[in-house]
Protein backbone atom coordinates (compact mmCIF):
# COMPACT_ATOMS: atom_id res chain seq x y z
CA MET A 1 0.00 0.00 0.00
CA LEU A 2 1.33 3.43 -0.95
CA PRO A 3 1.69 6.07 1.79
CA THR A 4 -0.77 8.96 1.77
CA PRO A 5 0.87 12.08 0.30
CA LEU A 6 1.35 15.00 2.66
CA ARG A 7 -0.98 17.96 2.28
CA ALA A 8 0.66 21.34 1.78
CA VAL A 9 -0.35 24.98 1.68
CA GLY A 10 1.34 27.71 -0.31
CA TYR A 11 1.82 31.32 0.76
CA ARG A 12 2.58 34.07 -1.72
CA ARG A 13 2.81 37.76 -1.05
CA VAL A 14 3.95 41.10 -2.36
CA SER A 15 4.65 44.10 -0.17
CA SER A 16 3.09 46.82 -2.30
CA GLN A 17 0.20 47.30 -4.69
CA GLU A 18 2.63 48.12 -7.50
CA GLN A 19 4.20 44.66 -7.25
CA THR A 20 0.81 42.97 -7.69
CA GLU A 21 0.60 44.35 -11.23
CA GLY A 22 3.74 42.55 -12.43
CA TYR A 23 4.65 38.90 -12.62
CA SER A 24 5.50 38.39 -8.96
CA LEU A 25 2.40 36.54 -7.73
CA ASP A 26 2.24 34.35 -10.85
CA ALA A 27 5.93 33.49 -10.54
CA GLN A 28 5.50 32.61 -6.88
CA THR A 29 2.50 30.39 -7.71
CA THR A 30 4.49 28.50 -10.32
CA HIS A 31 7.41 28.04 -7.94
CA ILE A 32 5.14 26.80 -5.13
CA GLN A 33 3.30 24.37 -7.41
CA ASN A 34 6.53 23.00 -8.89
CA PHE A 35 8.13 22.50 -5.48
CA ILE A 36 5.09 20.79 -3.96
CA GLN A 37 4.77 18.52 -6.99
CA SER A 38 8.50 17.66 -6.83
CA GLN A 39 7.99 16.49 -3.24
CA GLY A 40 4.99 14.34 -4.13
CA TRP A 41 2.71 16.41 -1.90
CA ASN A 42 -0.84 17.66 -2.54
CA LEU A 43 -1.50 21.43 -2.63
CA VAL A 44 -4.68 21.97 -0.63
CA GLN A 45 -4.69 25.76 -0.23
CA LEU A 46 -2.87 28.77 -1.67
CA TYR A 47 -2.90 31.91 0.49
CA THR A 48 -2.20 35.33 -1.02
CA ASP A 49 -1.30 38.67 0.56
CA ALA A 50 -1.30 41.23 -2.22
CA GLY A 51 -0.02 44.60 -1.04
CA ILE A 52 -1.88 44.60 2.26
CA SER A 53 -1.04 46.10 5.62
CA VAL A 54 0.84 44.38 8.42
CA LYS A 55 -2.33 44.25 10.54
CA LYS A 56 -4.19 42.33 7.82
CA ARG A 57 -1.20 40.03 7.30
CA ALA A 58 -1.47 39.06 10.96
CA ALA A 59 -4.83 37.45 10.16
CA THR A 60 -3.13 35.34 7.51
CA GLY A 61 -0.54 34.28 10.07
CA ARG A 62 -3.34 33.00 12.26
CA ARG A 63 -4.84 31.06 9.33
CA LEU A 64 -1.48 29.52 8.52
CA SER A 65 -0.94 28.52 12.14
CA ARG A 66 -4.13 26.48 11.91
CA CYS A 67 -2.41 24.37 9.25
CA SER A 68 0.00 23.00 11.82
CA LYS A 69 -3.01 21.75 13.75
CA MET A 70 -4.49 19.89 10.77
CA PRO A 71 -4.81 16.12 11.20
CA LYS A 72 -1.86 14.13 9.95
CA LYS A 73 -1.84 11.58 7.10
CA GLY A 74 -5.32 10.81 5.96
CA GLY A 75 -7.12 12.42 8.89
CA SER A 76 -10.08 14.67 8.35
CA THR A 77 -10.45 18.34 9.24
């Protein structure tokens, strides 16, 4: 029996609104997807912070911290 692949989340961000208009977020997405695929993992969520304030980014940090509490290998959420 094959082991259950790990589940992974991706996090991409830019620090200013001007950066969101270029290639930065798309390039980060491609890099994240390629890395996760190379590890044999499953991408389950992609978080994005696009030129937002530090206070709003703190909310994303809380969402990401929940990921560490997700059930391991084949468990349900």
